[in-house]
Amino acid sequence: MQHLTLAAILLFGCAAPAFAQRCESLSALSLPTGTITGAREDGGACKVAATLKPTADSDIRIEVWMPLSDWNGKFQAVGNGAFNGTIPTDAMQTALRRGYATAGTDTGHEGGGARWALGHPEKVTDFGWRAVHEMTVASKRIVESFYRTAPRYSYWNGCSAGGRQAMQAAQRFPADFDGIIAGAPGLDWTGRAAQANRVARVTEASEAARLLQPQRELLHAAVVNACDAKDGAKDGLLENPRACTFDPGELACKGSNGASCLTPAQVETARMMYSSGTNPTSGRQIGGVARGSELEWTDLGWTVSARNTGLDQFRYIVYGDPSWTIQRFDFEADIARADEVDRNTINAMDANLTPFLSRGGKLIQYHGWSDPQISPFNSTEYYSKVVETLGGRANVDSSYRLFMAPGMGHCRGGEGPDTFDVVAALERWVERGEAPNQIAASKVVNGAVQRTRPLCPYPQVAVYRGSGSIDEAANFTCRVP
């Protein structure tokens, strides 16, 4: 990890115009695999654009933003969502406000969807992992050239596809970052695509199989009624959905259909949403959604993004056939083929994190238990595999922790506390050696805090102490259930 020199500290006191002049000069900076296409002062930052071409078919666009004053001496790269080929400027702006030099990439293509993958295997690799690494190497060179000193610490912060990118960085390039945040990581990319297609194949073909909002509300109320008190507090949240085994069949209509019951087809759809699939070739379990997430579902089951990404994964990457439809989907055959085609190019499931952890890297992973888009069980299963691979939690906890957020949806949202500062927790861990034994989370509605709750390092859960308000974090403690 780098430390600031006295010259660098004095440099931070330079007037903004001096930095602006240096910003313009970056246009002439050479990069190992690309070219700087622009450098300008804008909004108190030096903003540099570049195009990277590590292969003949690569066209990776990146931007690097560096504060002209009050730089914190650190670098934070930020992640993307779904197949989106856009630079994540909103996330970059958030990092910039915290004083970071920051960077983002379009992952090597423009626009949404995966049509770009047809006939372009190198672009699939760029999307899978190469674009982020190339961006990181180039960005650090740009930052060091601008400030004339390397960042003291380098961080990654991403959720969803950005969480998947985080895991790729930890698994493939252990020296790229000192600390990594992996939110709701789509690390089992092919599995999520298969699960979304599995449900959509049924719900798109049959309106009778769809769970509309009244049925989802009915199912959710029944799940909460059956399982809410298991953590000692009836607060509408399931701290440990694994302990809930409620069967949707208990809501099956006994006579005529109505709003207060589920038809046989709807029962089967709900069971399918909860259930795990299995890759018949590898035996890998592919998680469904957790009980308690029902209010986050859509009429067709998984979210629109999950269904679109699932369709595109098989249409353009697995089969390379623009005419392929979900009605042709066969779970057992197609998940095996998807994994074979991917060969861990997009998937990020290597459980051997030893190279990253042994050099002092810190990894915080978080996931909402009510995520309707990426199965939260992907995160818990991956964590368990890392623990097994590295020989027990004692070899993992000093460097890698997973936090599961009850009631939280995909990255944010849902009924549970979904506002928490993971960046600060990671900074304390990396820079001061203070491991996060819990992370304070709150539920904010219209600017007012309604509830606070500690997020606990998995497999611990927040357990009510037995007295005091169930809306105050101080009245909960973290324990292994």
Protein backbone atom coordinates (compact mmCIF):
# COMPACT_ATOMS: atom_id res chain seq x y z
CA MET A 1 0.00 0.00 0.00
CA GLN A 2 1.30 3.46 -0.95
CA HIS A 3 1.92 6.35 1.42
CA LEU A 4 2.05 10.06 0.58
CA THR A 5 5.40 11.78 0.30
CA LEU A 6 6.01 15.24 1.75
CA ALA A 7 6.20 16.61 -1.78
CA ALA A 8 2.82 15.12 -2.57
CA ILE A 9 1.30 16.59 0.58
CA LEU A 10 2.61 20.02 -0.39
CA LEU A 11 1.29 19.48 -3.91
CA PHE A 12 -2.27 19.16 -2.62
CA GLY A 13 -2.02 22.77 -1.52
CA CYS A 14 -1.48 23.95 -5.10
CA ALA A 15 -4.02 26.33 -6.53
CA ALA A 16 -6.70 24.82 -8.76
CA PRO A 17 -5.35 26.60 -11.91
CA ALA A 18 -2.06 24.67 -11.60
CA PHE A 19 -4.00 21.44 -11.52
CA ALA A 20 -6.10 22.57 -14.46
CA GLN A 21 -2.98 23.14 -16.56
CA ARG A 22 -1.68 19.72 -15.61
CA CYS A 23 -5.08 18.24 -16.50
CA GLU A 24 -4.84 19.49 -20.07
CA SER A 25 -1.32 18.08 -20.41
CA LEU A 26 -2.62 14.56 -19.71
CA SER A 27 -3.86 14.40 -23.30
CA ALA A 28 -0.29 13.54 -24.29
CA LEU A 29 0.12 10.74 -21.72
CA SER A 30 0.79 7.32 -23.24
CA LEU A 31 -1.09 4.23 -22.01
CA PRO A 32 0.03 0.60 -22.43
CA THR A 33 -3.08 -0.57 -24.29
CA GLY A 34 -4.91 2.57 -25.32
CA THR A 35 -5.11 6.27 -26.01
CA ILE A 36 -6.34 9.27 -24.04
CA THR A 37 -9.11 10.92 -26.04
CA GLY A 38 -9.77 13.95 -23.87
CA ALA A 39 -8.75 15.77 -20.68
CA ARG A 40 -10.57 18.77 -19.30
CA GLU A 41 -11.43 20.62 -16.11
CA ASP A 42 -15.11 20.29 -15.23
CA GLY A 43 -16.99 20.76 -11.98
CA GLY A 44 -13.91 20.97 -9.79
CA ALA A 45 -12.35 17.86 -11.27
CA CYS A 46 -9.92 16.86 -13.97
CA LYS A 47 -11.89 14.49 -16.19
CA VAL A 48 -9.95 12.22 -18.51
CA ALA A 49 -11.46 9.98 -21.19
CA ALA A 50 -9.58 7.12 -22.85
CA THR A 51 -10.16 4.18 -25.16
CA LEU A 52 -8.37 0.91 -24.43
CA LYS A 53 -7.75 -1.80 -27.02
CA PRO A 54 -6.05 -4.83 -25.42
CA THR A 55 -7.17 -6.91 -28.44
CA ALA A 56 -7.95 -6.07 -32.05
CA ASP A 57 -11.68 -6.41 -31.33
CA SER A 58 -11.64 -4.47 -28.05
CA ASP A 59 -13.07 -0.96 -27.70
CA ILE A 60 -13.13 -0.22 -23.97
CA ARG A 61 -14.03 3.33 -23.03
CA ILE A 62 -13.12 4.64 -19.60
CA GLU A 63 -13.29 7.91 -17.69
CA VAL A 64 -11.11 8.98 -14.78
CA TRP A 65 -12.17 11.89 -12.58
CA MET A 66 -9.73 13.54 -10.16
CA PRO A 67 -10.58 16.34 -7.70
CA LEU A 68 -8.65 19.56 -8.27
CA SER A 69 -8.62 20.14 -4.52
CA ASP A 70 -9.10 18.13 -1.33
CA TRP A 71 -8.06 14.81 -2.88
CA ASN A 72 -8.10 12.19 -0.12
CA GLY A 73 -5.07 10.47 -1.62
CA LYS A 74 -7.10 7.41 -2.64
CA PHE A 75 -8.61 5.80 -5.73
CA GLN A 76 -12.06 4.22 -6.05
CA ALA A 77 -13.23 2.40 -9.16
CA VAL A 78 -16.98 1.83 -9.50
CA GLY A 79 -19.09 -0.88 -11.12
CA ASN A 80 -21.84 -1.31 -13.70
CA GLY A 81 -25.28 -2.93 -13.90
CA ALA A 82 -26.64 -5.79 -16.03
CA PHE A 83 -25.21 -5.75 -19.59
CA ASN A 84 -25.23 -1.95 -19.62
CA GLY A 85 -22.52 -0.47 -21.81
CA THR A 86 -22.40 2.97 -20.19
CA ILE A 87 -19.89 4.64 -17.92
CA PRO A 88 -21.42 4.79 -14.39
CA THR A 89 -21.12 8.52 -13.87
CA ASP A 90 -23.58 8.69 -10.94
CA ALA A 91 -21.45 6.31 -8.88
CA MET A 92 -18.34 8.21 -9.94
CA GLN A 93 -19.88 11.46 -8.75
CA THR A 94 -20.57 9.88 -5.35
CA ALA A 95 -16.94 8.78 -5.05
CA LEU A 96 -15.71 12.20 -6.17
CA ARG A 97 -17.77 13.90 -3.45
CA ARG A 98 -15.91 11.80 -0.88
CA GLY A 99 -12.60 13.11 -2.20
CA TYR A 100 -11.66 10.08 -4.27
CA ALA A 101 -10.04 9.95 -7.65
CA THR A 102 -12.49 7.66 -9.40
CA ALA A 103 -12.94 5.69 -12.61
CA GLY A 104 -15.62 3.80 -14.55
CA THR A 105 -15.89 1.90 -17.83
CA ASP A 106 -18.52 0.94 -20.39
CA THR A 107 -17.06 -2.63 -20.20
CA GLY A 108 -16.22 -2.62 -23.91
CA HIS A 109 -19.53 -1.97 -25.65
CA GLU A 110 -22.30 0.59 -25.94
CA GLY A 111 -25.95 0.33 -24.89
CA GLY A 112 -27.94 -2.32 -23.06
CA GLY A 113 -28.57 -5.95 -23.86
CA ALA A 114 -26.04 -8.43 -25.26
CA ARG A 115 -26.51 -8.24 -29.02
CA TRP A 116 -22.95 -6.89 -29.19
CA ALA A 117 -21.69 -10.37 -28.16
CA LEU A 118 -22.71 -12.02 -31.45
CA GLY A 119 -19.50 -13.06 -33.19
CA HIS A 120 -17.32 -11.12 -30.73
CA PRO A 121 -15.79 -13.49 -28.16
CA GLU A 122 -13.12 -10.94 -27.22
CA LYS A 123 -15.84 -8.45 -26.30
CA VAL A 124 -17.43 -11.09 -24.08
CA THR A 125 -14.08 -11.45 -22.31
CA ASP A 126 -13.83 -7.67 -22.02
CA PHE A 127 -17.28 -7.59 -20.42
CA GLY A 128 -16.52 -10.59 -18.22
CA TRP A 129 -13.34 -9.32 -16.59
CA ARG A 130 -10.77 -7.69 -18.84
CA ALA A 131 -12.30 -4.21 -19.15
CA VAL A 132 -12.22 -3.61 -15.39
CA HIS A 133 -8.61 -4.72 -15.05
CA GLU A 134 -7.44 -2.69 -18.04
CA MET A 135 -9.34 0.32 -16.71
CA THR A 136 -7.71 -0.07 -13.30
CA VAL A 137 -4.18 -0.25 -14.70
CA ALA A 138 -4.72 2.76 -16.96
CA SER A 139 -6.52 4.77 -14.27
CA LYS A 140 -3.74 4.35 -11.73
CA ARG A 141 -1.25 5.57 -14.32
CA ILE A 142 -3.39 8.62 -15.03
CA VAL A 143 -3.90 9.39 -11.34
CA GLU A 144 -0.20 9.08 -10.56
CA SER A 145 0.70 11.28 -13.53
CA PHE A 146 -1.77 13.96 -12.44
CA TYR A 147 -0.89 14.07 -8.74
CA ARG A 148 2.73 12.93 -9.18
CA THR A 149 2.17 10.31 -6.54
CA ALA A 150 0.38 6.98 -6.53
CA PRO A 151 -2.85 6.56 -4.53
CA ARG A 152 -2.29 5.47 -0.95
CA TYR A 153 -5.12 2.96 -1.24
CA SER A 154 -7.17 1.60 -4.12
CA TYR A 155 -10.77 0.45 -3.71
CA TRP A 156 -13.51 -1.14 -5.79
CA ASN A 157 -17.18 -0.39 -5.11
CA GLY A 158 -19.95 -2.08 -7.10
CA CYS A 159 -23.34 -3.75 -6.77
CA SER A 160 -25.17 -6.29 -8.97
CA ALA A 161 -23.06 -6.61 -12.13
CA GLY A 162 -20.65 -4.34 -10.27
CA GLY A 163 -20.59 -6.92 -7.47
CA ARG A 164 -19.75 -9.59 -10.03
CA GLN A 165 -16.95 -7.37 -11.32
CA ALA A 166 -15.74 -7.03 -7.73
CA MET A 167 -15.46 -10.79 -7.34
CA GLN A 168 -13.65 -11.12 -10.67
CA ALA A 169 -11.12 -8.54 -9.47
CA ALA A 170 -10.55 -10.38 -6.18
CA GLN A 171 -10.24 -13.75 -7.91
CA ARG A 172 -8.14 -12.80 -10.96
CA PHE A 173 -6.16 -9.68 -10.05
CA PRO A 174 -5.36 -9.75 -6.33
CA ALA A 175 -3.01 -6.75 -6.56
CA ASP A 176 -5.47 -4.37 -8.23
CA PHE A 177 -7.29 -3.27 -5.08
CA ASP A 178 -6.56 -3.03 -1.37
CA GLY A 179 -10.25 -3.20 -0.51
CA ILE A 180 -13.28 -4.44 -2.42
CA ILE A 181 -17.03 -3.95 -1.91
CA ALA A 182 -19.17 -6.56 -3.66
CA GLY A 183 -22.87 -5.76 -3.34
CA ALA A 184 -25.46 -8.34 -4.42
CA PRO A 185 -22.89 -9.88 -6.77
CA GLY A 186 -24.16 -11.60 -9.90
CA LEU A 187 -21.27 -14.04 -9.48
CA ASP A 188 -23.37 -16.97 -10.77
CA TRP A 189 -24.30 -15.08 -13.93
CA THR A 190 -25.38 -18.12 -15.94
CA GLY A 191 -27.31 -19.53 -12.99
CA ARG A 192 -29.28 -16.34 -12.46
CA ALA A 193 -30.06 -16.24 -16.19
CA ALA A 194 -31.26 -19.84 -16.10
CA GLN A 195 -33.47 -19.33 -13.04
CA ALA A 196 -35.12 -16.26 -14.56
CA ASN A 197 -35.76 -18.14 -17.81
CA ARG A 198 -37.05 -21.16 -15.93
CA VAL A 199 -39.84 -19.13 -14.33
CA ALA A 200 -40.50 -16.84 -17.32
CA ARG A 201 -41.00 -19.85 -19.60
CA VAL A 202 -44.03 -20.76 -17.47
CA THR A 203 -45.44 -17.33 -16.63
CA GLU A 204 -45.12 -15.90 -20.14
CA ALA A 205 -47.00 -18.87 -21.57
CA SER A 206 -49.78 -18.98 -18.97
CA GLU A 207 -51.58 -16.05 -17.37
CA ALA A 208 -53.10 -18.49 -14.90
CA ALA A 209 -49.64 -19.22 -13.48
CA ARG A 210 -48.86 -15.59 -12.71
CA LEU A 211 -48.85 -14.21 -9.19
CA LEU A 212 -50.37 -10.74 -9.44
CA GLN A 213 -49.95 -8.14 -6.75
CA PRO A 214 -52.89 -9.31 -4.56
CA GLN A 215 -51.53 -12.87 -4.60
CA ARG A 216 -48.00 -11.68 -3.83
CA GLU A 217 -49.29 -9.65 -0.90
CA LEU A 218 -51.28 -12.64 0.34
CA LEU A 219 -48.27 -14.93 0.09
CA HIS A 220 -45.97 -12.42 1.77
CA ALA A 221 -48.33 -11.93 4.71
CA ALA A 222 -48.55 -15.70 5.19
CA VAL A 223 -44.77 -16.11 5.08
CA VAL A 224 -44.20 -13.32 7.59
CA ASN A 225 -46.95 -14.63 9.87
CA ALA A 226 -45.37 -18.08 9.86
CA CYS A 227 -41.72 -17.10 10.29
CA ASP A 228 -41.34 -13.55 11.57
CA ALA A 229 -41.06 -14.39 15.27
CA LYS A 230 -38.21 -16.89 14.79
CA ASP A 231 -35.63 -14.17 15.52
CA GLY A 232 -37.42 -13.06 18.69
CA ALA A 233 -39.03 -9.90 17.32
CA LYS A 234 -42.24 -9.57 15.31
CA ASP A 235 -41.12 -6.72 13.12
CA GLY A 236 -42.16 -7.84 9.64
CA LEU A 237 -38.60 -8.87 8.69
CA LEU A 238 -37.01 -12.28 8.37
CA GLU A 239 -33.50 -12.10 9.78
CA ASN A 240 -32.80 -15.66 8.70
CA PRO A 241 -35.01 -16.77 5.78
CA ARG A 242 -33.18 -20.10 5.70
CA ALA A 243 -35.10 -21.03 8.83
CA CYS A 244 -38.45 -20.39 7.10
CA THR A 245 -39.98 -23.40 5.38
CA PHE A 246 -43.46 -22.06 4.69
CA ASP A 247 -45.09 -23.97 1.82
CA PRO A 248 -47.29 -21.93 -0.58
CA GLY A 249 -49.53 -25.01 -0.76
CA GLU A 250 -51.01 -23.90 2.56
CA LEU A 251 -52.74 -21.10 0.63
CA ALA A 252 -54.17 -23.40 -2.04
CA CYS A 253 -57.82 -22.74 -2.89
CA LYS A 254 -60.12 -25.33 -1.38
CA GLY A 255 -63.14 -24.49 -3.48
CA SER A 256 -63.65 -21.64 -5.92
CA ASN A 257 -60.71 -19.39 -6.74
CA GLY A 258 -60.51 -16.00 -5.04
CA ALA A 259 -58.25 -13.25 -3.74
CA SER A 260 -57.71 -15.10 -0.47
CA CYS A 261 -56.12 -18.21 -1.96
CA LEU A 262 -53.73 -19.44 -4.65
CA THR A 263 -54.68 -21.60 -7.60
CA PRO A 264 -52.69 -24.81 -8.19
CA ALA A 265 -50.75 -23.08 -10.98
CA GLN A 266 -49.91 -20.12 -8.74
CA VAL A 267 -48.78 -22.45 -5.96
CA GLU A 268 -46.36 -24.12 -8.35
CA THR A 269 -45.03 -20.78 -9.55
CA ALA A 270 -44.33 -19.70 -5.98
CA ARG A 271 -42.60 -23.00 -5.25
CA MET A 272 -40.52 -22.58 -8.39
CA MET A 273 -39.47 -19.07 -7.33
CA TYR A 274 -38.18 -20.40 -4.00
CA SER A 275 -36.60 -23.58 -5.31
CA SER A 276 -33.01 -24.20 -6.35
CA GLY A 277 -32.14 -25.74 -9.67
CA THR A 278 -29.25 -28.14 -10.20
CA ASN A 279 -26.68 -28.30 -12.97
CA PRO A 280 -26.81 -32.02 -13.86
CA THR A 281 -23.23 -31.98 -15.12
CA SER A 282 -21.48 -30.33 -12.16
CA GLY A 283 -24.10 -30.81 -9.44
CA ARG A 284 -23.97 -27.08 -8.71
CA GLN A 285 -26.99 -25.74 -6.86
CA ILE A 286 -28.52 -22.60 -8.37
CA GLY A 287 -30.44 -20.59 -5.83
CA GLY A 288 -33.98 -19.27 -6.02
CA VAL A 289 -35.27 -16.23 -4.17
CA ALA A 290 -35.73 -16.22 -0.40
CA ARG A 291 -38.99 -16.38 1.49
CA GLY A 292 -39.96 -12.88 2.53
CA SER A 293 -39.11 -11.34 -0.86
CA GLU A 294 -42.58 -11.70 -2.37
CA LEU A 295 -43.40 -7.98 -2.47
CA GLU A 296 -40.37 -7.46 -4.71
CA TRP A 297 -41.54 -9.97 -7.37
CA THR A 298 -43.25 -8.99 -10.62
CA ASP A 299 -46.28 -10.52 -12.36
CA LEU A 300 -43.90 -12.72 -14.36
CA GLY A 301 -41.79 -13.68 -11.36
CA TRP A 302 -38.24 -12.34 -11.49
CA THR A 303 -37.58 -8.67 -12.28
CA VAL A 304 -37.63 -7.24 -15.79
CA SER A 305 -33.85 -6.84 -15.69
CA ALA A 306 -33.34 -10.45 -14.63
CA ARG A 307 -35.62 -11.73 -17.40
CA ASN A 308 -34.04 -9.53 -20.08
CA THR A 309 -30.54 -10.46 -19.00
CA GLY A 310 -31.48 -14.13 -18.90
CA LEU A 311 -32.95 -14.04 -22.39
CA ASP A 312 -29.95 -12.19 -23.81
CA GLN A 313 -27.45 -14.50 -22.12
CA PHE A 314 -28.87 -17.53 -23.91
CA ARG A 315 -29.89 -15.81 -27.14
CA TYR A 316 -26.63 -14.01 -27.91
CA ILE A 317 -23.92 -15.71 -25.84
CA VAL A 318 -24.91 -19.33 -25.21
CA TYR A 319 -26.55 -20.07 -28.58
CA GLY A 320 -25.59 -17.07 -30.71
CA ASP A 321 -29.07 -17.18 -32.26
CA PRO A 322 -31.11 -13.93 -32.36
CA SER A 323 -34.27 -15.96 -32.99
CA TRP A 324 -33.90 -18.04 -29.80
CA THR A 325 -36.88 -17.67 -27.44
CA ILE A 326 -37.55 -18.54 -23.83
CA GLN A 327 -40.10 -21.14 -24.92
CA ARG A 328 -37.15 -23.18 -26.24
CA PHE A 329 -35.48 -23.13 -22.82
CA ASP A 330 -34.77 -26.46 -21.12
CA PHE A 331 -33.28 -25.93 -17.68
CA GLU A 332 -31.11 -29.02 -17.25
CA ALA A 333 -29.70 -29.05 -20.77
CA ASP A 334 -29.31 -25.30 -21.07
CA ILE A 335 -27.66 -24.56 -17.72
CA ALA A 336 -25.04 -27.20 -18.47
CA ARG A 337 -24.43 -25.66 -21.89
CA ALA A 338 -24.32 -22.14 -20.48
CA ASP A 339 -21.60 -23.06 -18.00
CA GLU A 340 -19.64 -24.89 -20.68
CA VAL A 341 -19.76 -21.89 -23.00
CA ASP A 342 -18.93 -19.41 -20.24
CA ARG A 343 -15.89 -21.24 -18.79
CA ASN A 344 -15.90 -18.73 -15.92
CA THR A 345 -15.49 -15.78 -18.28
CA ILE A 346 -18.50 -13.95 -16.83
CA ASN A 347 -19.20 -16.19 -13.84
CA ALA A 348 -17.01 -15.37 -10.84
CA MET A 349 -17.17 -18.41 -8.58
CA ASP A 350 -13.53 -19.31 -7.85
CA ALA A 351 -13.53 -19.84 -4.08
CA ASN A 352 -9.74 -19.66 -3.68
CA LEU A 353 -9.26 -16.09 -2.51
CA THR A 354 -5.88 -16.85 -0.95
CA PRO A 355 -3.85 -14.62 -3.32
CA PHE A 356 -6.04 -11.58 -2.58
CA LEU A 357 -6.37 -12.17 1.16
CA SER A 358 -2.74 -13.14 1.75
CA ARG A 359 -1.48 -9.80 0.45
CA GLY A 360 -3.70 -7.98 2.95
CA GLY A 361 -6.74 -7.34 0.77
CA LYS A 362 -10.10 -6.83 2.49
CA LEU A 363 -13.44 -7.85 0.98
CA ILE A 364 -16.89 -6.81 2.20
CA GLN A 365 -19.79 -8.51 0.45
CA TYR A 366 -23.40 -7.59 1.14
CA HIS A 367 -26.74 -8.83 -0.16
CA GLY A 368 -30.41 -8.16 0.55
CA TRP A 369 -32.38 -11.20 1.70
CA SER A 370 -35.37 -9.91 -0.30
CA ASP A 371 -33.42 -9.50 -3.54
CA PRO A 372 -35.76 -10.51 -6.42
CA GLN A 373 -33.10 -10.20 -9.10
CA ILE A 374 -29.99 -12.05 -7.92
CA SER A 375 -30.47 -14.90 -5.49
CA PRO A 376 -29.14 -14.07 -2.00
CA PHE A 377 -28.26 -17.75 -1.66
CA ASN A 378 -25.57 -17.21 -4.30
CA SER A 379 -23.78 -15.03 -1.75
CA THR A 380 -24.21 -17.33 1.24
CA GLU A 381 -23.18 -20.40 -0.75
CA TYR A 382 -20.12 -18.67 -2.15
CA TYR A 383 -19.06 -17.49 1.31
CA SER A 384 -19.41 -21.04 2.64
CA LYS A 385 -17.29 -22.38 -0.23
CA VAL A 386 -14.56 -19.84 0.52
CA VAL A 387 -14.58 -20.85 4.19
CA GLU A 388 -14.33 -24.51 3.19
CA THR A 389 -11.58 -23.85 0.63
CA LEU A 390 -9.49 -21.77 3.02
CA GLY A 391 -9.86 -24.18 5.94
CA GLY A 392 -12.38 -22.52 8.23
CA ARG A 393 -13.77 -19.16 9.29
CA ALA A 394 -10.68 -18.39 11.37
CA ASN A 395 -8.74 -18.13 8.11
CA VAL A 396 -11.38 -15.93 6.47
CA ASP A 397 -12.84 -13.50 9.01
CA SER A 398 -9.73 -11.36 9.25
CA SER A 399 -10.06 -10.42 5.57
CA TYR A 400 -13.50 -11.31 4.15
CA ARG A 401 -16.97 -10.80 5.62
CA LEU A 402 -20.47 -11.14 4.23
CA PHE A 403 -23.40 -9.05 5.49
CA MET A 404 -26.96 -10.13 4.72
CA ALA A 405 -29.59 -7.38 4.97
CA PRO A 406 -33.08 -8.57 6.07
CA GLY A 407 -35.93 -7.18 3.98
CA MET A 408 -33.63 -5.35 1.56
CA GLY A 409 -34.23 -5.70 -2.17
CA HIS A 410 -31.70 -5.55 -4.99
CA CYS A 411 -28.81 -3.33 -3.86
CA ARG A 412 -31.32 -1.09 -2.07
CA GLY A 413 -35.06 -0.79 -1.46
CA GLY A 414 -37.48 -3.22 0.14
CA GLU A 415 -39.04 -3.19 3.58
CA GLY A 416 -35.83 -3.54 5.57
CA PRO A 417 -33.08 -1.08 6.52
CA ASP A 418 -31.24 -0.42 3.26
CA THR A 419 -29.09 2.65 4.00
CA PHE A 420 -25.59 1.93 5.29
CA ASP A 421 -22.05 3.15 4.67
CA VAL A 422 -19.98 0.22 3.43
CA VAL A 423 -17.24 2.50 2.12
CA ALA A 424 -16.51 3.86 5.60
CA ALA A 425 -16.51 0.35 7.06
CA LEU A 426 -14.05 -0.84 4.43
CA GLU A 427 -11.79 2.21 4.91
CA ARG A 428 -11.56 1.54 8.65
CA TRP A 429 -10.73 -2.11 7.99
CA VAL A 430 -8.08 -1.48 5.34
CA GLU A 431 -6.52 1.66 6.78
CA ARG A 432 -6.85 1.14 10.55
CA GLY A 433 -7.26 -2.62 10.88
CA GLU A 434 -10.74 -2.27 12.43
CA ALA A 435 -12.74 -5.27 11.26
CA PRO A 436 -16.51 -4.62 10.87
CA ASN A 437 -18.22 -6.64 13.59
CA GLN A 438 -21.50 -5.07 12.47
CA ILE A 439 -22.63 -2.35 10.09
CA ALA A 440 -25.27 0.16 11.18
CA ALA A 441 -28.22 0.24 8.77
CA SER A 442 -31.32 2.40 8.72
CA LYS A 443 -34.65 2.61 6.92
CA VAL A 444 -35.23 6.15 5.72
CA VAL A 445 -38.63 7.24 4.38
CA ASN A 446 -39.17 10.81 3.15
CA GLY A 447 -35.97 11.89 4.85
CA ALA A 448 -36.91 10.47 8.26
CA VAL A 449 -35.30 7.44 9.90
CA GLN A 450 -38.01 4.90 10.69
CA ARG A 451 -35.88 2.00 11.91
CA THR A 452 -32.26 1.09 12.60
CA ARG A 453 -30.76 -2.36 12.72
CA PRO A 454 -27.26 -3.86 12.85
CA LEU A 455 -26.19 -5.89 9.83
CA CYS A 456 -24.22 -8.84 11.15
CA PRO A 457 -21.34 -10.77 9.59
CA TYR A 458 -22.74 -14.00 8.18
CA PRO A 459 -23.67 -16.51 9.56
CA GLN A 460 -24.61 -14.29 12.51
CA VAL A 461 -28.02 -12.61 12.53
CA ALA A 462 -29.44 -9.71 14.55
CA VAL A 463 -31.32 -11.10 17.57
CA TYR A 464 -33.66 -8.99 19.70
CA ARG A 465 -32.41 -8.61 23.28
CA GLY A 466 -35.96 -8.87 24.63
CA SER A 467 -36.58 -5.29 25.74
CA GLY A 468 -36.73 -1.85 24.19
CA SER A 469 -38.00 -0.71 20.82
CA ILE A 470 -37.70 -3.20 17.97
CA ASP A 471 -36.95 -0.20 15.75
CA GLU A 472 -33.65 0.63 17.49
CA ALA A 473 -30.41 -1.13 16.60
CA ALA A 474 -29.13 -0.90 20.20
CA ASN A 475 -31.72 -3.46 21.26
CA PHE A 476 -30.30 -6.17 18.97
CA THR A 477 -27.15 -8.24 19.20
CA CYS A 478 -25.35 -10.33 16.58
CA ARG A 479 -25.42 -14.08 17.18
CA VAL A 480 -25.07 -17.29 15.23
CA PRO A 481 -28.62 -18.74 15.00
